């Protein structure tokens, strides 16, 4: 059995507390979809929700947080508003 540790970070303005389901996932229907950063030992060959922005980081927590921050900064510049890494 393998263990996957997840660090879900992204630029998001959503305040929804929706739990989603197998068809939509967590807040997958939101207009401003965040990027998802997953800290894992190895990236999967495929993902279930292909319309979402997935980044799999295998080089450690610091790299995952740095990637999420870069993504949030780029999305903030594009959107013209400050977005958070959550």
C-alpha atoms as a PDB file:
ATOM      1  CA  UNK A   1       0.000   0.000   0.000  1.00  0.00           C
ATOM      2  CA  UNK A   2       1.385   3.418  -0.931  1.00  0.00           C
ATOM      3  CA  UNK A   3       0.712   6.678   0.843  1.00  0.00           C
ATOM      4  CA  UNK A   4       0.094   9.963  -0.954  1.00  0.00           C
ATOM      5  CA  UNK A   5       0.429  13.191   0.991  1.00  0.00           C
ATOM      6  CA  UNK A   6      -1.598  16.038  -0.462  1.00  0.00           C
ATOM      7  CA  UNK A   7      -0.898  19.733  -0.281  1.00  0.00           C
ATOM      8  CA  UNK A   8      -3.796  21.411  -2.027  1.00  0.00           C
ATOM      9  CA  UNK A   9      -2.851  24.973  -2.730  1.00  0.00           C
ATOM     10  CA  UNK A  10      -3.959  27.470  -5.272  1.00  0.00           C
ATOM     11  CA  UNK A  11      -5.202  30.866  -6.197  1.00  0.00           C
ATOM     12  CA  UNK A  12      -8.814  30.937  -5.174  1.00  0.00           C
ATOM     13  CA  UNK A  13     -11.464  33.473  -4.399  1.00  0.00           C
ATOM     14  CA  UNK A  14     -14.042  30.838  -3.510  1.00  0.00           C
ATOM     15  CA  UNK A  15     -15.616  30.739  -0.075  1.00  0.00           C
ATOM     16  CA  UNK A  16     -17.728  27.689  -0.859  1.00  0.00           C
ATOM     17  CA  UNK A  17     -17.742  24.823   1.631  1.00  0.00           C
ATOM     18  CA  UNK A  18     -19.071  22.345  -0.937  1.00  0.00           C
ATOM     19  CA  UNK A  19     -17.706  18.825  -0.683  1.00  0.00           C
ATOM     20  CA  UNK A  20     -18.453  17.909  -4.296  1.00  0.00           C
ATOM     21  CA  UNK A  21     -18.894  14.388  -5.602  1.00  0.00           C
ATOM     22  CA  UNK A  22     -17.249  11.967  -8.041  1.00  0.00           C
ATOM     23  CA  UNK A  23     -18.462  13.982 -11.035  1.00  0.00           C
ATOM     24  CA  UNK A  24     -17.449  17.462  -9.903  1.00  0.00           C
ATOM     25  CA  UNK A  25     -14.878  17.074  -7.122  1.00  0.00           C
ATOM     26  CA  UNK A  26     -14.264  19.767  -4.533  1.00  0.00           C
ATOM     27  CA  UNK A  27     -15.551  23.106  -5.842  1.00  0.00           C
ATOM     28  CA  UNK A  28     -14.845  21.965  -9.422  1.00  0.00           C
ATOM     29  CA  UNK A  29     -17.868  23.937 -10.612  1.00  0.00           C
ATOM     30  CA  UNK A  30     -16.555  27.267  -9.322  1.00  0.00           C
ATOM     31  CA  UNK A  31     -16.033  29.969 -11.960  1.00  0.00           C
ATOM     32  CA  UNK A  32     -12.502  30.658 -10.701  1.00  0.00           C
ATOM     33  CA  UNK A  33     -10.981  27.192 -10.434  1.00  0.00           C
ATOM     34  CA  UNK A  34      -7.809  27.063  -8.344  1.00  0.00           C
ATOM     35  CA  UNK A  35      -4.698  25.145  -9.263  1.00  0.00           C
ATOM     36  CA  UNK A  36      -4.167  21.992  -7.223  1.00  0.00           C
ATOM     37  CA  UNK A  37      -0.688  21.128  -5.991  1.00  0.00           C
ATOM     38  CA  UNK A  38      -0.183  17.564  -4.806  1.00  0.00           C
ATOM     39  CA  UNK A  39       2.903  16.559  -2.847  1.00  0.00           C
ATOM     40  CA  UNK A  40       3.557  12.928  -3.656  1.00  0.00           C
ATOM     41  CA  UNK A  41       6.295  10.345  -4.017  1.00  0.00           C
ATOM     42  CA  UNK A  42       5.408   9.864  -7.690  1.00  0.00           C
ATOM     43  CA  UNK A  43       3.018  11.585 -10.066  1.00  0.00           C
ATOM     44  CA  UNK A  44       0.106   9.495 -11.358  1.00  0.00           C
ATOM     45  CA  UNK A  45      -0.088   8.476 -15.000  1.00  0.00           C
ATOM     46  CA  UNK A  46      -3.599  10.005 -15.204  1.00  0.00           C
ATOM     47  CA  UNK A  47      -6.025  12.041 -13.097  1.00  0.00           C
ATOM     48  CA  UNK A  48      -9.766  11.595 -12.700  1.00  0.00           C
ATOM     49  CA  UNK A  49     -10.786  15.248 -13.096  1.00  0.00           C
ATOM     50  CA  UNK A  50      -8.909  16.256 -16.247  1.00  0.00           C
ATOM     51  CA  UNK A  51     -10.450  19.723 -16.566  1.00  0.00           C
ATOM     52  CA  UNK A  52      -8.701  20.910 -13.392  1.00  0.00           C
ATOM     53  CA  UNK A  53      -5.184  22.340 -13.164  1.00  0.00           C
ATOM     54  CA  UNK A  54      -3.062  19.669 -11.412  1.00  0.00           C
ATOM     55  CA  UNK A  55       0.608  20.022 -10.454  1.00  0.00           C
ATOM     56  CA  UNK A  56       2.291  17.015  -8.860  1.00  0.00           C
ATOM     57  CA  UNK A  57       5.413  17.857  -6.866  1.00  0.00           C
ATOM     58  CA  UNK A  58       7.778  15.040  -5.920  1.00  0.00           C
ATOM     59  CA  UNK A  59      10.698  17.078  -4.585  1.00  0.00           C
ATOM     60  CA  UNK A  60       9.399  18.073  -1.143  1.00  0.00           C
ATOM     61  CA  UNK A  61       7.092  20.358   0.763  1.00  0.00           C
ATOM     62  CA  UNK A  62       9.133  23.533   0.262  1.00  0.00           C
ATOM     63  CA  UNK A  63       9.049  23.050  -3.519  1.00  0.00           C
ATOM     64  CA  UNK A  64       5.283  22.410  -3.468  1.00  0.00           C
ATOM     65  CA  UNK A  65       4.620  25.590  -1.472  1.00  0.00           C
ATOM     66  CA  UNK A  66       6.959  27.596  -3.741  1.00  0.00           C
ATOM     67  CA  UNK A  67       5.177  26.298  -6.852  1.00  0.00           C
ATOM     68  CA  UNK A  68       1.777  27.168  -5.363  1.00  0.00           C
ATOM     69  CA  UNK A  69       2.978  30.674  -4.492  1.00  0.00           C
ATOM     70  CA  UNK A  70       4.321  31.232  -8.029  1.00  0.00           C
ATOM     71  CA  UNK A  71       0.976  30.078  -9.399  1.00  0.00           C
ATOM     72  CA  UNK A  72      -0.959  32.392  -7.062  1.00  0.00           C
ATOM     73  CA  UNK A  73       1.259  35.345  -8.000  1.00  0.00           C
ATOM     74  CA  UNK A  74       0.764  34.703 -11.728  1.00  0.00           C
ATOM     75  CA  UNK A  75      -3.005  34.320 -11.300  1.00  0.00           C
ATOM     76  CA  UNK A  76      -3.118  37.463  -9.138  1.00  0.00           C
ATOM     77  CA  UNK A  77      -1.382  39.451 -11.882  1.00  0.00           C
ATOM     78  CA  UNK A  78      -3.721  38.011 -14.534  1.00  0.00           C
ATOM     79  CA  UNK A  79      -6.863  38.665 -12.445  1.00  0.00           C
ATOM     80  CA  UNK A  80      -5.766  42.085 -11.216  1.00  0.00           C
ATOM     81  CA  UNK A  81      -6.408  41.150  -7.579  1.00  0.00           C
ATOM     82  CA  UNK A  82      -4.481  39.539  -4.743  1.00  0.00           C
ATOM     83  CA  UNK A  83      -5.212  35.823  -4.437  1.00  0.00           C
ATOM     84  CA  UNK A  84      -4.090  33.539  -1.632  1.00  0.00           C
ATOM     85  CA  UNK A  85      -2.271  30.244  -1.331  1.00  0.00           C
ATOM     86  CA  UNK A  86      -4.606  28.150   0.792  1.00  0.00           C
END
